[in-house]
């Protein structure tokens, strides 16, 4: 009888150990990582149209930007961005999609929305929050969110294309492979 109880106890202990190992590996798969980069970019397309209403300086438009992303890890990726925006009295709101493409062909796609505040000399400060939407290659299955903040360094003109930079800080997880 004592041997049977001992076998049952050891059986439960074995099951508990297996469960702990399984839960530990599941936790490992969802380990959160941090991504930090600085993006430097400029407009490749910009079109804003005045909105003929009673709001001062009201316009709505779309844009595309290209540039480079310099990651804290030392990697560099190309950056492409498509968005829409609205300006009222110099302040702006925007929604955008972006893609980072790395040397190995892996990509990260994200979506964000944010605001822009005017600065002197036609410059702007920007802040946004967003989510990782999709990844390919080593970023397949990426999930998470990020913030970004930055500013224009030159006002928009045909010559400068509104040189712009922002810092992105994100937290993400990848499925266990």
N, C-alpha and C. Protein backbone atom coordinates (compact mmCIF):
# COMPACT_ATOMS: atom_id res chain seq x y z
N UNK A 1 0.82 -1.19 0.00
CA UNK A 1 0.00 0.00 0.00
C UNK A 1 0.87 1.27 0.00
N UNK A 2 1.92 1.26 0.84
CA UNK A 2 2.83 2.40 0.89
C UNK A 2 3.55 2.57 -0.44
N UNK A 3 3.90 1.46 -1.12
CA UNK A 3 4.56 1.52 -2.42
C UNK A 3 3.64 2.15 -3.45
N UNK A 4 2.36 1.84 -3.40
CA UNK A 4 1.39 2.39 -4.36
C UNK A 4 1.25 3.90 -4.16
N UNK A 5 1.20 4.35 -2.89
CA UNK A 5 1.10 5.79 -2.59
C UNK A 5 2.36 6.51 -3.07
N UNK A 6 3.50 5.87 -2.83
CA UNK A 6 4.76 6.45 -3.26
C UNK A 6 4.81 6.60 -4.78
N UNK A 7 4.30 5.60 -5.53
CA UNK A 7 4.27 5.66 -6.99
C UNK A 7 3.35 6.79 -7.46
N UNK A 8 2.22 6.96 -6.78
CA UNK A 8 1.27 8.03 -7.14
C UNK A 8 1.90 9.40 -6.90
N UNK A 9 2.58 9.54 -5.76
CA UNK A 9 3.23 10.82 -5.44
C UNK A 9 4.30 11.13 -6.49
N UNK A 10 5.15 10.12 -6.81
CA UNK A 10 6.20 10.34 -7.80
C UNK A 10 5.59 10.63 -9.19
N UNK A 11 4.45 10.03 -9.48
CA UNK A 11 3.76 10.31 -10.75
C UNK A 11 3.34 11.77 -10.83
N UNK A 12 2.77 12.29 -9.72
CA UNK A 12 2.38 13.70 -9.69
C UNK A 12 3.59 14.62 -9.79
N UNK A 13 4.68 14.24 -9.10
CA UNK A 13 5.90 15.03 -9.18
C UNK A 13 6.42 15.06 -10.62
N UNK A 14 6.40 13.92 -11.29
CA UNK A 14 6.84 13.85 -12.69
C UNK A 14 5.98 14.71 -13.60
N UNK A 15 4.68 14.66 -13.40
CA UNK A 15 3.77 15.48 -14.20
C UNK A 15 4.03 16.96 -13.94
N UNK A 16 4.27 17.33 -12.68
CA UNK A 16 4.55 18.73 -12.34
C UNK A 16 5.84 19.21 -13.01
N UNK A 17 6.85 18.35 -13.02
CA UNK A 17 8.12 18.73 -13.66
C UNK A 17 7.93 18.92 -15.16
N UNK A 18 7.22 18.00 -15.80
CA UNK A 18 6.96 18.12 -17.24
C UNK A 18 6.16 19.38 -17.53
N UNK A 19 5.14 19.67 -16.71
CA UNK A 19 4.33 20.87 -16.91
C UNK A 19 5.18 22.13 -16.75
N UNK A 20 6.08 22.14 -15.74
CA UNK A 20 6.94 23.30 -15.53
C UNK A 20 7.87 23.51 -16.72
N UNK A 21 8.41 22.45 -17.29
CA UNK A 21 9.26 22.57 -18.46
C UNK A 21 8.48 23.09 -19.65
N UNK A 22 7.26 22.60 -19.83
CA UNK A 22 6.42 23.04 -20.94
C UNK A 22 6.07 24.51 -20.79
N UNK A 23 5.66 24.93 -19.60
CA UNK A 23 5.30 26.33 -19.37
C UNK A 23 6.53 27.21 -19.55
N UNK A 24 7.68 26.75 -19.09
CA UNK A 24 8.93 27.51 -19.26
C UNK A 24 9.26 27.72 -20.71
N UNK A 25 9.08 26.70 -21.56
CA UNK A 25 9.38 26.86 -22.98
C UNK A 25 8.35 27.75 -23.66
N UNK A 26 7.11 27.71 -23.21
CA UNK A 26 6.08 28.60 -23.78
C UNK A 26 6.39 30.04 -23.42
N UNK A 27 6.86 30.28 -22.19
CA UNK A 27 7.24 31.63 -21.79
C UNK A 27 8.42 32.11 -22.61
N UNK A 28 9.35 31.23 -22.88
CA UNK A 28 10.52 31.57 -23.67
C UNK A 28 10.11 32.03 -25.07
N UNK A 29 9.10 31.39 -25.66
CA UNK A 29 8.66 31.73 -27.01
C UNK A 29 8.11 33.15 -27.07
N UNK A 30 7.54 33.63 -25.97
CA UNK A 30 6.92 34.95 -25.95
C UNK A 30 7.83 35.99 -25.31
N UNK A 31 9.13 35.72 -25.25
CA UNK A 31 10.07 36.66 -24.64
C UNK A 31 10.04 37.98 -25.40
N UNK A 32 9.86 39.04 -24.65
CA UNK A 32 9.77 40.38 -25.24
C UNK A 32 11.17 40.92 -25.53
N UNK A 33 11.32 41.56 -26.69
CA UNK A 33 12.58 42.16 -27.10
C UNK A 33 12.35 43.63 -27.39
N UNK A 34 13.41 44.41 -27.31
CA UNK A 34 13.34 45.84 -27.59
C UNK A 34 14.01 46.14 -28.92
N UNK A 35 13.41 47.04 -29.68
CA UNK A 35 13.98 47.48 -30.96
C UNK A 35 14.10 49.01 -30.89
N UNK A 36 15.30 49.50 -31.20
CA UNK A 36 15.52 50.94 -31.24
C UNK A 36 16.24 51.29 -32.53
N UNK A 37 15.79 52.35 -33.16
CA UNK A 37 16.47 52.81 -34.37
C UNK A 37 16.23 54.30 -34.57
N UNK A 38 17.08 54.89 -35.38
CA UNK A 38 16.89 56.27 -35.85
C UNK A 38 16.69 56.19 -37.35
N UNK A 39 15.64 56.84 -37.83
CA UNK A 39 15.33 56.87 -39.25
C UNK A 39 15.60 58.28 -39.78
N UNK A 40 16.28 58.34 -40.91
CA UNK A 40 16.52 59.59 -41.62
C UNK A 40 15.85 59.45 -42.98
N UNK A 41 14.97 60.40 -43.33
CA UNK A 41 14.21 60.23 -44.58
C UNK A 41 13.81 61.59 -45.16
N UNK A 42 13.20 61.53 -46.34
CA UNK A 42 12.75 62.73 -47.05
C UNK A 42 11.54 62.34 -47.91
N UNK A 43 10.78 63.36 -48.34
CA UNK A 43 9.62 63.10 -49.19
C UNK A 43 10.05 62.69 -50.59
N UNK A 44 9.41 61.66 -51.12
CA UNK A 44 9.54 61.35 -52.54
C UNK A 44 8.24 61.71 -53.26
N UNK A 45 7.17 61.88 -52.48
CA UNK A 45 5.89 62.32 -53.03
C UNK A 45 5.17 63.09 -51.94
N UNK A 46 4.57 64.23 -52.29
CA UNK A 46 3.82 65.04 -51.35
C UNK A 46 2.77 65.82 -52.10
N UNK A 47 1.53 65.67 -51.69
CA UNK A 47 0.44 66.40 -52.33
C UNK A 47 -0.59 66.74 -51.26
N UNK A 48 -0.75 68.02 -50.98
CA UNK A 48 -1.76 68.49 -50.04
C UNK A 48 -2.67 69.46 -50.76
N UNK A 49 -3.94 69.32 -50.54
CA UNK A 49 -4.95 70.18 -51.16
C UNK A 49 -5.67 70.98 -50.09
N UNK A 50 -5.98 72.23 -50.37
CA UNK A 50 -6.73 73.01 -49.38
C UNK A 50 -8.16 72.48 -49.25
N UNK A 51 -8.65 72.47 -48.02
CA UNK A 51 -10.04 72.11 -47.76
C UNK A 51 -10.79 73.44 -47.64
N UNK A 52 -11.80 73.59 -48.47
CA UNK A 52 -12.50 74.87 -48.52
C UNK A 52 -13.62 74.90 -47.50
N UNK A 53 -13.24 75.05 -46.25
CA UNK A 53 -14.20 75.18 -45.16
C UNK A 53 -13.81 76.41 -44.33
N UNK A 54 -14.39 76.56 -43.16
CA UNK A 54 -14.15 77.76 -42.36
C UNK A 54 -12.96 77.61 -41.41
N UNK A 55 -12.23 76.50 -41.49
CA UNK A 55 -11.07 76.31 -40.63
C UNK A 55 -9.83 76.94 -41.28
N UNK A 56 -9.15 77.76 -40.52
CA UNK A 56 -7.96 78.45 -41.03
C UNK A 56 -6.84 77.45 -41.34
N UNK A 57 -6.24 77.59 -42.53
CA UNK A 57 -5.11 76.76 -42.90
C UNK A 57 -5.40 75.28 -42.96
N UNK A 58 -6.60 74.90 -43.41
CA UNK A 58 -7.01 73.49 -43.43
C UNK A 58 -6.63 72.85 -44.76
N UNK A 59 -5.87 71.76 -44.68
CA UNK A 59 -5.52 71.02 -45.89
C UNK A 59 -5.45 69.53 -45.56
N UNK A 60 -5.58 68.73 -46.60
CA UNK A 60 -5.55 67.28 -46.46
C UNK A 60 -4.73 66.70 -47.61
N UNK A 61 -3.95 65.67 -47.32
CA UNK A 61 -3.14 65.13 -48.40
C UNK A 61 -2.52 63.79 -48.12
N UNK A 62 -1.61 63.42 -49.02
CA UNK A 62 -0.90 62.14 -48.88
C UNK A 62 0.56 62.35 -49.23
N UNK A 63 1.36 61.38 -48.75
CA UNK A 63 2.80 61.51 -48.96
C UNK A 63 3.47 60.15 -48.95
N UNK A 64 4.69 60.14 -49.41
CA UNK A 64 5.56 58.97 -49.31
C UNK A 64 6.96 59.46 -48.99
N UNK A 65 7.66 58.73 -48.13
CA UNK A 65 9.03 59.07 -47.76
C UNK A 65 9.94 57.87 -47.99
N UNK A 66 11.21 58.13 -48.19
CA UNK A 66 12.23 57.08 -48.29
C UNK A 66 13.43 57.50 -47.47
N UNK A 67 14.16 56.50 -47.00
CA UNK A 67 15.36 56.82 -46.23
C UNK A 67 16.03 55.57 -45.70
N UNK A 68 16.79 55.76 -44.63
CA UNK A 68 17.52 54.68 -44.00
C UNK A 68 17.20 54.63 -42.51
N UNK A 69 17.20 53.41 -41.97
CA UNK A 69 17.00 53.19 -40.53
C UNK A 69 18.29 52.62 -39.95
N UNK A 70 18.80 53.26 -38.91
CA UNK A 70 20.04 52.85 -38.25
C UNK A 70 19.67 52.25 -36.90
N UNK A 71 19.80 50.93 -36.78
CA UNK A 71 19.37 50.22 -35.58
C UNK A 71 20.47 50.20 -34.53
N UNK A 72 20.04 50.16 -33.28
CA UNK A 72 20.96 50.10 -32.15
C UNK A 72 21.90 48.89 -32.25
N UNK A 73 21.43 47.83 -32.90
CA UNK A 73 22.24 46.61 -33.07
C UNK A 73 23.39 46.82 -34.06
N UNK A 74 23.38 47.95 -34.79
CA UNK A 74 24.39 48.21 -35.81
C UNK A 74 23.89 47.93 -37.23
N UNK A 75 22.73 47.29 -37.34
CA UNK A 75 22.16 47.02 -38.67
C UNK A 75 21.63 48.30 -39.29
N UNK A 76 21.59 48.31 -40.62
CA UNK A 76 20.99 49.40 -41.37
C UNK A 76 19.96 48.79 -42.31
N UNK A 77 18.79 49.39 -42.38
CA UNK A 77 17.72 48.91 -43.27
C UNK A 77 17.21 50.08 -44.10
N UNK A 78 16.66 49.77 -45.26
CA UNK A 78 15.98 50.82 -46.03
C UNK A 78 14.62 51.06 -45.39
N UNK A 79 14.11 52.26 -45.56
CA UNK A 79 12.84 52.68 -44.96
C UNK A 79 11.97 53.27 -46.05
N UNK A 80 10.74 52.79 -46.16
CA UNK A 80 9.75 53.35 -47.08
C UNK A 80 8.48 53.59 -46.27
N UNK A 81 7.82 54.73 -46.52
CA UNK A 81 6.68 55.17 -45.70
C UNK A 81 5.61 55.79 -46.60
N UNK A 82 4.35 55.43 -46.34
CA UNK A 82 3.21 55.99 -47.08
C UNK A 82 2.22 56.49 -46.05
N UNK A 83 1.66 57.68 -46.26
CA UNK A 83 0.73 58.18 -45.26
C UNK A 83 -0.22 59.22 -45.79
N UNK A 84 -1.16 59.57 -44.92
CA UNK A 84 -2.09 60.66 -45.16
C UNK A 84 -2.01 61.60 -43.97
N UNK A 85 -2.33 62.86 -44.22
CA UNK A 85 -2.27 63.83 -43.14
C UNK A 85 -3.26 64.94 -43.33
N UNK A 86 -3.49 65.64 -42.23
CA UNK A 86 -4.40 66.78 -42.24
C UNK A 86 -3.73 67.90 -41.45
N UNK A 87 -3.77 69.11 -41.99
CA UNK A 87 -3.21 70.28 -41.32
C UNK A 87 -4.33 71.27 -41.03
N UNK A 88 -4.34 71.79 -39.81
CA UNK A 88 -5.26 72.85 -39.42
C UNK A 88 -4.47 73.83 -38.56
N UNK A 89 -4.38 75.09 -39.03
CA UNK A 89 -3.65 76.14 -38.32
C UNK A 89 -2.22 75.70 -38.00
N UNK A 90 -1.57 75.01 -38.91
CA UNK A 90 -0.18 74.62 -38.71
C UNK A 90 0.03 73.31 -37.98
N UNK A 91 -0.96 72.85 -37.23
CA UNK A 91 -0.86 71.57 -36.52
C UNK A 91 -1.30 70.45 -37.46
N UNK A 92 -0.76 69.26 -37.24
CA UNK A 92 -1.12 68.17 -38.14
C UNK A 92 -1.44 66.89 -37.38
N UNK A 93 -2.23 66.06 -38.04
CA UNK A 93 -2.46 64.68 -37.62
C UNK A 93 -2.14 63.82 -38.83
N UNK A 94 -1.68 62.60 -38.58
CA UNK A 94 -1.33 61.74 -39.71
C UNK A 94 -1.50 60.27 -39.33
N UNK A 95 -1.67 59.46 -40.37
CA UNK A 95 -1.70 58.01 -40.27
C UNK A 95 -0.73 57.51 -41.32
N UNK A 96 0.03 56.47 -40.98
CA UNK A 96 1.06 56.04 -41.92
C UNK A 96 1.33 54.55 -41.83
N UNK A 97 1.85 54.02 -42.92
CA UNK A 97 2.35 52.65 -43.01
C UNK A 97 3.82 52.75 -43.38
N UNK A 98 4.61 51.79 -42.91
CA UNK A 98 6.03 51.82 -43.24
C UNK A 98 6.57 50.41 -43.39
N UNK A 99 7.67 50.31 -44.13
CA UNK A 99 8.37 49.03 -44.27
C UNK A 99 9.86 49.25 -44.11
N UNK A 100 10.47 48.40 -43.29
CA UNK A 100 11.91 48.34 -43.14
C UNK A 100 12.37 47.09 -43.87
N UNK A 101 13.37 47.22 -44.74
CA UNK A 101 13.91 46.07 -45.48
C UNK A 101 15.40 45.95 -45.14
N UNK A 102 15.76 44.78 -44.61
CA UNK A 102 17.12 44.52 -44.15
C UNK A 102 17.96 43.87 -45.25
N UNK A 103 19.29 43.88 -45.07
CA UNK A 103 20.21 43.32 -46.07
C UNK A 103 19.91 41.87 -46.38
N UNK A 104 19.46 41.09 -45.39
CA UNK A 104 19.18 39.66 -45.63
C UNK A 104 17.81 39.44 -46.27
N UNK A 105 17.08 40.52 -46.61
CA UNK A 105 15.77 40.40 -47.25
C UNK A 105 14.61 40.37 -46.27
N UNK A 106 14.88 40.24 -44.96
CA UNK A 106 13.82 40.26 -43.95
C UNK A 106 13.17 41.64 -43.94
N UNK A 107 11.88 41.68 -43.64
CA UNK A 107 11.16 42.95 -43.58
C UNK A 107 10.33 43.05 -42.31
N UNK A 108 10.04 44.28 -41.94
CA UNK A 108 9.10 44.59 -40.87
C UNK A 108 8.15 45.65 -41.41
N UNK A 109 6.85 45.41 -41.24
CA UNK A 109 5.85 46.40 -41.64
C UNK A 109 5.14 46.91 -40.39
N UNK A 110 4.90 48.21 -40.36
CA UNK A 110 4.22 48.81 -39.22
C UNK A 110 3.21 49.84 -39.65
N UNK A 111 2.36 50.20 -38.71
CA UNK A 111 1.33 51.21 -38.93
C UNK A 111 1.32 52.12 -37.71
N UNK A 112 1.22 53.45 -37.94
CA UNK A 112 1.16 54.36 -36.81
C UNK A 112 0.26 55.53 -37.09
N UNK A 113 -0.03 56.27 -36.03
CA UNK A 113 -0.75 57.54 -36.16
C UNK A 113 -0.18 58.50 -35.14
N UNK A 114 -0.21 59.77 -35.50
CA UNK A 114 0.40 60.73 -34.60
C UNK A 114 0.03 62.16 -34.90
N UNK A 115 0.79 63.05 -34.28
CA UNK A 115 0.54 64.48 -34.41
C UNK A 115 1.83 65.22 -34.71
N UNK A 116 1.68 66.38 -35.31
CA UNK A 116 2.80 67.26 -35.60
C UNK A 116 2.53 68.65 -35.05
N UNK A 117 3.53 69.24 -34.42
CA UNK A 117 3.41 70.58 -33.86
C UNK A 117 4.38 71.50 -34.59
N UNK A 118 3.91 72.67 -35.01
CA UNK A 118 4.80 73.59 -35.72
C UNK A 118 5.90 74.15 -34.83
N UNK A 119 7.07 74.36 -35.43
CA UNK A 119 8.22 75.02 -34.79
C UNK A 119 8.56 76.25 -35.63
N UNK A 120 9.44 77.09 -35.16
CA UNK A 120 9.86 78.25 -35.98
C UNK A 120 10.47 77.82 -37.31
N UNK A 121 10.45 78.71 -38.26
CA UNK A 121 11.08 78.56 -39.58
C UNK A 121 10.47 77.43 -40.41
N UNK A 122 9.19 77.11 -40.20
CA UNK A 122 8.52 76.11 -41.01
C UNK A 122 8.86 74.66 -40.66
N UNK A 123 9.46 74.43 -39.50
CA UNK A 123 9.82 73.07 -39.09
C UNK A 123 8.71 72.48 -38.23
N UNK A 124 8.74 71.14 -38.04
CA UNK A 124 7.70 70.45 -37.28
C UNK A 124 8.32 69.45 -36.32
N UNK A 125 7.67 69.26 -35.16
CA UNK A 125 7.96 68.17 -34.21
C UNK A 125 6.88 67.12 -34.38
N UNK A 126 7.25 65.85 -34.37
CA UNK A 126 6.29 64.77 -34.57
C UNK A 126 6.36 63.75 -33.45
N UNK A 127 5.21 63.18 -33.09
CA UNK A 127 5.11 62.08 -32.14
C UNK A 127 4.05 61.12 -32.65
N UNK A 128 4.27 59.82 -32.46
CA UNK A 128 3.29 58.83 -32.93
C UNK A 128 3.41 57.55 -32.11
N UNK A 129 2.35 56.75 -32.18
CA UNK A 129 2.35 55.41 -31.60
C UNK A 129 1.88 54.45 -32.69
N UNK A 130 2.37 53.22 -32.64
CA UNK A 130 1.98 52.28 -33.67
C UNK A 130 2.18 50.83 -33.27
N UNK A 131 1.90 49.96 -34.23
CA UNK A 131 2.01 48.51 -34.04
C UNK A 131 2.75 47.87 -35.20
N UNK A 132 3.49 46.81 -34.89
CA UNK A 132 4.08 45.98 -35.93
C UNK A 132 2.94 45.17 -36.54
N UNK A 133 2.83 45.16 -37.86
CA UNK A 133 1.74 44.47 -38.55
C UNK A 133 2.16 43.12 -39.11
N UNK A 134 3.39 43.06 -39.63
CA UNK A 134 3.83 41.86 -40.34
C UNK A 134 5.34 41.87 -40.43
N UNK A 135 5.89 40.67 -40.51
CA UNK A 135 7.32 40.54 -40.73
C UNK A 135 7.58 39.36 -41.64
N UNK A 136 8.71 39.40 -42.34
CA UNK A 136 9.12 38.26 -43.16
C UNK A 136 10.54 37.87 -42.76
N UNK A 137 10.97 36.71 -43.22
CA UNK A 137 12.30 36.24 -42.86
C UNK A 137 12.41 36.05 -41.36
N UNK A 138 13.46 36.58 -40.77
CA UNK A 138 13.67 36.39 -39.33
C UNK A 138 12.68 37.15 -38.46
N UNK A 139 11.85 38.01 -39.08
CA UNK A 139 10.82 38.73 -38.34
C UNK A 139 9.41 38.17 -38.60
N UNK A 140 9.32 37.00 -39.20
CA UNK A 140 8.03 36.34 -39.46
C UNK A 140 7.26 36.21 -38.15
N UNK A 141 6.02 36.67 -38.14
CA UNK A 141 5.16 36.57 -36.96
C UNK A 141 5.37 37.64 -35.91
N UNK A 142 6.10 38.71 -36.24
CA UNK A 142 6.37 39.78 -35.27
C UNK A 142 5.06 40.38 -34.75
N UNK A 143 5.03 40.64 -33.45
CA UNK A 143 3.90 41.33 -32.81
C UNK A 143 4.46 42.30 -31.80
N UNK A 144 3.79 43.43 -31.64
CA UNK A 144 4.23 44.39 -30.64
C UNK A 144 3.84 45.80 -31.01
N UNK A 145 4.38 46.74 -30.26
CA UNK A 145 4.04 48.15 -30.47
C UNK A 145 5.30 49.01 -30.33
N UNK A 146 5.16 50.27 -30.74
CA UNK A 146 6.30 51.18 -30.70
C UNK A 146 5.82 52.61 -30.59
N UNK A 147 6.75 53.48 -30.24
CA UNK A 147 6.53 54.92 -30.26
C UNK A 147 7.61 55.53 -31.14
N UNK A 148 7.32 56.69 -31.66
CA UNK A 148 8.35 57.41 -32.40
C UNK A 148 8.21 58.90 -32.13
N UNK A 149 9.34 59.56 -32.20
CA UNK A 149 9.34 61.02 -32.06
C UNK A 149 10.49 61.56 -32.90
N UNK A 150 10.27 62.71 -33.49
CA UNK A 150 11.29 63.30 -34.34
C UNK A 150 10.91 64.67 -34.81
N UNK A 151 11.69 65.16 -35.79
CA UNK A 151 11.40 66.50 -36.30
C UNK A 151 11.98 66.66 -37.70
N UNK A 152 11.47 67.68 -38.37
CA UNK A 152 12.04 68.05 -39.66
C UNK A 152 13.27 68.92 -39.38
N UNK A 153 14.26 68.81 -40.24
CA UNK A 153 15.47 69.62 -40.12
C UNK A 153 15.50 70.75 -41.13
N UNK A 154 14.73 70.58 -42.20
CA UNK A 154 14.58 71.62 -43.21
C UNK A 154 13.11 71.70 -43.58
N UNK A 155 12.60 72.89 -43.89
CA UNK A 155 11.21 72.98 -44.34
C UNK A 155 11.09 72.36 -45.73
N UNK A 156 9.89 72.01 -46.10
CA UNK A 156 9.70 71.39 -47.42
C UNK A 156 9.98 72.40 -48.52
N UNK A 157 10.77 71.96 -49.50
CA UNK A 157 10.96 72.68 -50.75
C UNK A 157 11.34 71.63 -51.78
N UNK A 158 11.32 72.00 -53.04
CA UNK A 158 11.71 71.05 -54.09
C UNK A 158 13.17 70.61 -53.93
N UNK A 159 13.98 71.47 -53.33
CA UNK A 159 15.40 71.14 -53.16
C UNK A 159 15.65 70.24 -51.95
N UNK A 160 15.06 70.58 -50.80
CA UNK A 160 15.37 69.84 -49.57
C UNK A 160 14.49 68.62 -49.35
N UNK A 161 13.29 68.63 -49.89
CA UNK A 161 12.32 67.53 -49.71
C UNK A 161 12.00 67.30 -48.23
N UNK A 162 12.20 68.31 -47.39
CA UNK A 162 11.91 68.26 -45.96
C UNK A 162 12.67 67.13 -45.27
N UNK A 163 13.97 67.31 -45.13
CA UNK A 163 14.78 66.33 -44.40
C UNK A 163 14.17 66.12 -43.02
N UNK A 164 14.09 64.88 -42.60
CA UNK A 164 13.32 64.50 -41.43
C UNK A 164 14.01 63.35 -40.73
N UNK A 165 13.96 63.32 -39.41
CA UNK A 165 14.44 62.13 -38.69
C UNK A 165 13.50 61.83 -37.54
N UNK A 166 13.49 60.58 -37.12
CA UNK A 166 12.76 60.20 -35.92
C UNK A 166 13.43 59.01 -35.26
N UNK A 167 13.20 58.91 -33.95
CA UNK A 167 13.68 57.78 -33.17
C UNK A 167 12.50 56.88 -32.86
N UNK A 168 12.66 55.60 -33.14
CA UNK A 168 11.62 54.60 -32.88
C UNK A 168 12.10 53.70 -31.75
N UNK A 169 11.22 53.46 -30.78
CA UNK A 169 11.49 52.52 -29.68
C UNK A 169 10.30 51.59 -29.62
N UNK A 170 10.56 50.29 -29.78
CA UNK A 170 9.47 49.32 -29.78
C UNK A 170 9.77 48.11 -28.93
N UNK A 171 8.70 47.42 -28.58
CA UNK A 171 8.78 46.14 -27.88
C UNK A 171 8.06 45.13 -28.74
N UNK A 172 8.68 43.96 -28.96
CA UNK A 172 8.07 42.97 -29.83
C UNK A 172 8.36 41.55 -29.36
N UNK A 173 7.57 40.63 -29.87
CA UNK A 173 7.80 39.21 -29.65
C UNK A 173 7.79 38.51 -31.01
N UNK A 174 8.47 37.39 -31.06
CA UNK A 174 8.49 36.53 -32.25
C UNK A 174 8.09 35.12 -31.81
N UNK A 175 7.38 34.40 -32.66
CA UNK A 175 7.03 33.01 -32.31
C UNK A 175 8.29 32.15 -32.25
N UNK A 176 8.25 31.14 -31.40
CA UNK A 176 9.38 30.21 -31.31
C UNK A 176 9.46 29.41 -32.59
N UNK A 177 10.69 29.25 -33.08
CA UNK A 177 10.87 28.50 -34.34
C UNK A 177 11.43 27.14 -34.07
